[in-house]
Amino acid sequence: MPGEVKVLGGSHEHVMDVEKQAFEQGYAEGERIGKEMGEKMVETAVKRYENAVSQLAETHKALAESMEEEVVRLALEISRKVLQRELTMDPDIVAALAAVALKRVSNYQSITLRVSRQDLGRIRAALGPTNPAVDIKEDASLERGDFMIDTGQTHLDGRIVSQIDAIAHVLFDD
């Protein structure tokens, strides 16, 4: 018959089966390759996502630590201001603090208490009669509320800034 193709070595149905089998095999191979490529794309996207989340967590932690440190510094500065205000409102506090510090060195020799000009008169009146062995002197480098105690054996720093700094060192593990 005209237009009929003769298949060598087999029937037309056999050729169709071979084509179908080749198509199915090619389709399955394409599906497998597509699935592998899709899995690799998903894996890459997941890794990028995990890296982004990790970086975000690190940034959040650093920001939180920075904010915590700034909050503590702010609290320390507020404490310093409150102490200065309290000392202005009740100048006798300095004498009480100095008296407590002097008790720590009462067994030492040659005790000198240095105070600010603003506190000198009040501290001499409060501590002079009860501590005649203590030499009370003015120190122009000290601010209201500050005091320093010097002995032959030790030195005590009673400045407000030093006390706040000591607290900061403990808080920040410096």
C-alpha atoms as a PDB file:
ATOM      1  CA  MET A   1       0.000   0.000   0.000  1.00  0.00           C
ATOM      2  CA  PRO A   2       1.111   3.423  -0.788  1.00  0.00           C
ATOM      3  CA  GLY A   3       2.030   5.623   2.200  1.00  0.00           C
ATOM      4  CA  GLU A   4       2.622   2.645   4.416  1.00  0.00           C
ATOM      5  CA  VAL A   5       5.970   2.480   6.030  1.00  0.00           C
ATOM      6  CA  LYS A   6       7.559  -0.839   6.304  1.00  0.00           C
ATOM      7  CA  VAL A   7       9.272  -1.457   9.542  1.00  0.00           C
ATOM      8  CA  LEU A   8      12.305  -3.553   9.330  1.00  0.00           C
ATOM      9  CA  GLY A   9      12.717  -6.231  11.887  1.00  0.00           C
ATOM     10  CA  GLY A  10       9.326  -5.900  13.508  1.00  0.00           C
ATOM     11  CA  SER A  11       5.809  -4.763  13.403  1.00  0.00           C
ATOM     12  CA  HIS A  12       4.411  -1.294  13.714  1.00  0.00           C
ATOM     13  CA  GLU A  13       3.134  -2.149  17.214  1.00  0.00           C
ATOM     14  CA  HIS A  14       6.601  -3.148  18.293  1.00  0.00           C
ATOM     15  CA  VAL A  15       7.960   0.212  17.142  1.00  0.00           C
ATOM     16  CA  MET A  16       5.182   1.976  19.029  1.00  0.00           C
ATOM     17  CA  ASP A  17       6.041  -0.009  22.163  1.00  0.00           C
ATOM     18  CA  VAL A  18       9.720   0.896  21.807  1.00  0.00           C
ATOM     19  CA  GLU A  19       8.820   4.576  21.277  1.00  0.00           C
ATOM     20  CA  LYS A  20       6.475   4.489  24.261  1.00  0.00           C
ATOM     21  CA  GLN A  21       9.103   2.824  26.387  1.00  0.00           C
ATOM     22  CA  ALA A  22      11.726   5.362  25.254  1.00  0.00           C
ATOM     23  CA  PHE A  23       9.316   8.203  25.956  1.00  0.00           C
ATOM     24  CA  GLU A  24       8.473   6.847  29.413  1.00  0.00           C
ATOM     25  CA  GLN A  25      12.142   6.272  30.151  1.00  0.00           C
ATOM     26  CA  GLY A  26      13.025   9.790  28.969  1.00  0.00           C
ATOM     27  CA  TYR A  27      10.113  11.230  30.913  1.00  0.00           C
ATOM     28  CA  ALA A  28      11.175   9.367  34.091  1.00  0.00           C
ATOM     29  CA  GLU A  29      14.795  10.500  33.603  1.00  0.00           C
ATOM     30  CA  GLY A  30      13.658  14.099  33.079  1.00  0.00           C
ATOM     31  CA  GLU A  31      11.453  13.899  36.140  1.00  0.00           C
ATOM     32  CA  ARG A  32      14.347  12.518  38.212  1.00  0.00           C
ATOM     33  CA  ILE A  33      16.720  15.245  36.997  1.00  0.00           C
ATOM     34  CA  GLY A  34      14.069  17.905  37.591  1.00  0.00           C
ATOM     35  CA  LYS A  35      13.457  16.604  41.092  1.00  0.00           C
ATOM     36  CA  GLU A  36      17.205  16.609  41.853  1.00  0.00           C
ATOM     37  CA  MET A  37      17.543  20.150  40.521  1.00  0.00           C
ATOM     38  CA  GLY A  38      14.519  21.255  42.545  1.00  0.00           C
ATOM     39  CA  GLU A  39      15.916  19.647  45.688  1.00  0.00           C
ATOM     40  CA  LYS A  40      19.273  21.386  45.121  1.00  0.00           C
ATOM     41  CA  MET A  41      17.509  24.720  44.625  1.00  0.00           C
ATOM     42  CA  VAL A  42      15.460  24.195  47.793  1.00  0.00           C
ATOM     43  CA  GLU A  43      18.589  23.111  49.698  1.00  0.00           C
ATOM     44  CA  THR A  44      20.430  26.251  48.549  1.00  0.00           C
ATOM     45  CA  ALA A  45      17.471  28.441  49.513  1.00  0.00           C
ATOM     46  CA  VAL A  46      17.254  26.762  52.941  1.00  0.00           C
ATOM     47  CA  LYS A  47      21.002  27.297  53.535  1.00  0.00           C
ATOM     48  CA  ARG A  48      20.661  30.987  52.607  1.00  0.00           C
ATOM     49  CA  TYR A  49      17.647  31.261  54.900  1.00  0.00           C
ATOM     50  CA  GLU A  50      19.532  29.562  57.767  1.00  0.00           C
ATOM     51  CA  ASN A  51      22.523  31.894  57.238  1.00  0.00           C
ATOM     52  CA  ALA A  52      20.235  34.928  57.209  1.00  0.00           C
ATOM     53  CA  VAL A  53      18.506  33.780  60.408  1.00  0.00           C
ATOM     54  CA  SER A  54      21.883  33.108  62.034  1.00  0.00           C
ATOM     55  CA  GLN A  55      23.182  36.554  61.072  1.00  0.00           C
ATOM     56  CA  LEU A  56      19.968  38.134  62.303  1.00  0.00           C
ATOM     57  CA  ALA A  57      20.304  36.314  65.635  1.00  0.00           C
ATOM     58  CA  GLU A  58      23.921  37.472  65.994  1.00  0.00           C
ATOM     59  CA  THR A  59      22.941  41.052  65.158  1.00  0.00           C
ATOM     60  CA  HIS A  60      20.068  40.893  67.637  1.00  0.00           C
ATOM     61  CA  LYS A  61      22.377  39.572  70.365  1.00  0.00           C
ATOM     62  CA  ALA A  62      24.978  42.289  69.707  1.00  0.00           C
ATOM     63  CA  LEU A  63      22.280  44.963  69.680  1.00  0.00           C
ATOM     64  CA  ALA A  64      20.773  43.662  72.922  1.00  0.00           C
ATOM     65  CA  GLU A  65      24.206  43.608  74.589  1.00  0.00           C
ATOM     66  CA  SER A  66      24.930  47.114  73.352  1.00  0.00           C
ATOM     67  CA  MET A  67      21.567  48.363  74.589  1.00  0.00           C
ATOM     68  CA  GLU A  68      22.083  46.651  77.938  1.00  0.00           C
ATOM     69  CA  GLU A  69      25.473  48.306  78.326  1.00  0.00           C
ATOM     70  CA  GLU A  70      24.048  51.719  77.410  1.00  0.00           C
ATOM     71  CA  VAL A  71      21.170  51.280  79.885  1.00  0.00           C
ATOM     72  CA  VAL A  72      23.650  50.430  82.657  1.00  0.00           C
ATOM     73  CA  ARG A  73      25.817  53.441  81.756  1.00  0.00           C
ATOM     74  CA  LEU A  74      22.739  55.657  81.806  1.00  0.00           C
ATOM     75  CA  ALA A  75      21.716  54.244  85.197  1.00  0.00           C
ATOM     76  CA  LEU A  76      25.204  54.913  86.570  1.00  0.00           C
ATOM     77  CA  GLU A  77      25.109  58.490  85.297  1.00  0.00           C
ATOM     78  CA  ILE A  78      21.666  58.991  86.831  1.00  0.00           C
ATOM     79  CA  SER A  79      23.003  57.592  90.121  1.00  0.00           C
ATOM     80  CA  ARG A  80      25.883  60.057  90.049  1.00  0.00           C
ATOM     81  CA  LYS A  81      23.480  62.969  89.448  1.00  0.00           C
ATOM     82  CA  VAL A  82      21.150  61.796  92.230  1.00  0.00           C
ATOM     83  CA  LEU A  83      24.081  61.496  94.655  1.00  0.00           C
ATOM     84  CA  GLN A  84      25.284  64.983  93.784  1.00  0.00           C
ATOM     85  CA  ARG A  85      21.762  66.365  94.272  1.00  0.00           C
ATOM     86  CA  GLU A  86      21.420  64.597  97.622  1.00  0.00           C
ATOM     87  CA  LEU A  87      24.781  65.969  98.743  1.00  0.00           C
ATOM     88  CA  THR A  88      23.677  69.463  97.792  1.00  0.00           C
ATOM     89  CA  MET A  89      20.411  69.066  99.695  1.00  0.00           C
ATOM     90  CA  ASP A  90      21.981  67.355 102.750  1.00  0.00           C
ATOM     91  CA  PRO A  91      25.672  68.216 103.020  1.00  0.00           C
ATOM     92  CA  ASP A  92      25.954  66.274 106.311  1.00  0.00           C
ATOM     93  CA  ILE A  93      25.936  63.055 104.280  1.00  0.00           C
ATOM     94  CA  VAL A  94      29.588  63.665 103.370  1.00  0.00           C
ATOM     95  CA  ALA A  95      30.565  63.860 107.021  1.00  0.00           C
ATOM     96  CA  ALA A  96      28.705  60.614 107.737  1.00  0.00           C
ATOM     97  CA  LEU A  97      30.389  58.820 104.805  1.00  0.00           C
ATOM     98  CA  ALA A  98      33.807  60.155 105.818  1.00  0.00           C
ATOM     99  CA  ALA A  99      33.220  59.053 109.434  1.00  0.00           C
ATOM    100  CA  VAL A 100      32.433  55.503 108.284  1.00  0.00           C
ATOM    101  CA  ALA A 101      35.576  55.462 106.114  1.00  0.00           C
ATOM    102  CA  LEU A 102      37.697  56.839 108.984  1.00  0.00           C
ATOM    103  CA  LYS A 103      36.566  53.927 111.198  1.00  0.00           C
ATOM    104  CA  ARG A 104      38.184  51.560 108.656  1.00  0.00           C
ATOM    105  CA  VAL A 105      41.564  53.241 109.191  1.00  0.00           C
ATOM    106  CA  SER A 106      41.245  54.219 112.860  1.00  0.00           C
ATOM    107  CA  ASN A 107      44.193  51.988 113.879  1.00  0.00           C
ATOM    108  CA  TYR A 108      46.523  53.531 111.285  1.00  0.00           C
ATOM    109  CA  GLN A 109      49.100  56.287 111.824  1.00  0.00           C
ATOM    110  CA  SER A 110      49.132  59.791 110.287  1.00  0.00           C
ATOM    111  CA  ILE A 111      45.540  60.006 109.029  1.00  0.00           C
ATOM    112  CA  THR A 112      44.738  62.875 106.658  1.00  0.00           C
ATOM    113  CA  LEU A 113      41.218  63.521 105.416  1.00  0.00           C
ATOM    114  CA  ARG A 114      41.096  65.686 102.280  1.00  0.00           C
ATOM    115  CA  VAL A 115      37.774  67.286 101.323  1.00  0.00           C
ATOM    116  CA  SER A 116      36.398  69.921  98.942  1.00  0.00           C
ATOM    117  CA  ARG A 117      36.268  73.602  99.860  1.00  0.00           C
ATOM    118  CA  GLN A 118      32.449  73.403 100.034  1.00  0.00           C
ATOM    119  CA  ASP A 119      32.567  70.569 102.610  1.00  0.00           C
ATOM    120  CA  LEU A 120      35.568  71.663 104.717  1.00  0.00           C
ATOM    121  CA  GLY A 121      33.772  73.719 107.394  1.00  0.00           C
ATOM    122  CA  ARG A 122      30.934  71.259 107.915  1.00  0.00           C
ATOM    123  CA  ILE A 123      33.286  68.228 108.091  1.00  0.00           C
ATOM    124  CA  ARG A 124      35.685  69.980 110.503  1.00  0.00           C
ATOM    125  CA  ALA A 125      32.739  70.832 112.763  1.00  0.00           C
ATOM    126  CA  ALA A 126      31.295  67.296 112.569  1.00  0.00           C
ATOM    127  CA  LEU A 127      34.471  65.186 112.720  1.00  0.00           C
ATOM    128  CA  GLY A 128      37.177  67.390 114.255  1.00  0.00           C
ATOM    129  CA  PRO A 129      36.062  67.076 117.898  1.00  0.00           C
ATOM    130  CA  THR A 130      35.500  63.281 117.675  1.00  0.00           C
ATOM    131  CA  ASN A 131      38.660  62.544 115.654  1.00  0.00           C
ATOM    132  CA  PRO A 132      41.398  64.879 116.928  1.00  0.00           C
ATOM    133  CA  ALA A 133      44.139  62.646 115.443  1.00  0.00           C
ATOM    134  CA  VAL A 134      42.760  63.207 111.927  1.00  0.00           C
ATOM    135  CA  ASP A 135      44.262  66.097 109.962  1.00  0.00           C
ATOM    136  CA  ILE A 136      41.381  67.577 107.909  1.00  0.00           C
ATOM    137  CA  LYS A 137      42.548  69.540 104.860  1.00  0.00           C
ATOM    138  CA  GLU A 138      41.018  71.278 101.865  1.00  0.00           C
ATOM    139  CA  ASP A 139      41.775  69.784  98.447  1.00  0.00           C
ATOM    140  CA  ALA A 140      40.869  72.047  95.513  1.00  0.00           C
ATOM    141  CA  SER A 141      40.849  69.062  93.131  1.00  0.00           C
ATOM    142  CA  LEU A 142      37.879  67.506  94.959  1.00  0.00           C
ATOM    143  CA  GLU A 143      34.225  68.281  94.276  1.00  0.00           C
ATOM    144  CA  ARG A 144      31.436  68.619  96.816  1.00  0.00           C
ATOM    145  CA  GLY A 145      30.792  65.211  98.367  1.00  0.00           C
ATOM    146  CA  ASP A 146      34.263  63.860  97.543  1.00  0.00           C
ATOM    147  CA  PHE A 147      36.882  62.924 100.106  1.00  0.00           C
ATOM    148  CA  MET A 148      40.230  61.154 100.209  1.00  0.00           C
ATOM    149  CA  ILE A 149      41.850  59.518 103.210  1.00  0.00           C
ATOM    150  CA  ASP A 150      45.616  59.113 103.296  1.00  0.00           C
ATOM    151  CA  THR A 151      47.540  57.219 105.973  1.00  0.00           C
ATOM    152  CA  GLY A 152      51.049  55.877 106.233  1.00  0.00           C
ATOM    153  CA  GLN A 153      49.653  52.445 105.329  1.00  0.00           C
ATOM    154  CA  THR A 154      46.843  53.023 102.828  1.00  0.00           C
ATOM    155  CA  HIS A 155      44.819  55.397 100.680  1.00  0.00           C
ATOM    156  CA  LEU A 156      40.995  55.461 100.474  1.00  0.00           C
ATOM    157  CA  ASP A 157      39.325  57.160  97.530  1.00  0.00           C
ATOM    158  CA  GLY A 158      35.905  58.465  98.509  1.00  0.00           C
ATOM    159  CA  ARG A 159      35.235  60.453  95.359  1.00  0.00           C
ATOM    160  CA  ILE A 160      31.773  59.922  93.879  1.00  0.00           C
ATOM    161  CA  VAL A 161      33.212  59.352  90.412  1.00  0.00           C
ATOM    162  CA  SER A 162      35.571  56.662  91.773  1.00  0.00           C
ATOM    163  CA  GLN A 163      32.745  54.864  93.526  1.00  0.00           C
ATOM    164  CA  ILE A 164      30.571  54.932  90.387  1.00  0.00           C
ATOM    165  CA  ASP A 165      33.580  53.748  88.330  1.00  0.00           C
ATOM    166  CA  ALA A 166      34.144  50.851  90.765  1.00  0.00           C
ATOM    167  CA  ILE A 167      30.522  49.797  90.330  1.00  0.00           C
ATOM    168  CA  ALA A 168      30.883  50.068  86.541  1.00  0.00           C
ATOM    169  CA  HIS A 169      34.015  47.865  86.587  1.00  0.00           C
ATOM    170  CA  VAL A 170      32.142  45.189  88.483  1.00  0.00           C
ATOM    171  CA  LEU A 171      29.121  45.387  86.180  1.00  0.00           C
ATOM    172  CA  PHE A 172      31.149  45.375  82.966  1.00  0.00           C
ATOM    173  CA  ASP A 173      33.862  42.931  84.146  1.00  0.00           C
ATOM    174  CA  ASP A 174      36.596  45.346  83.096  1.00  0.00           C
END
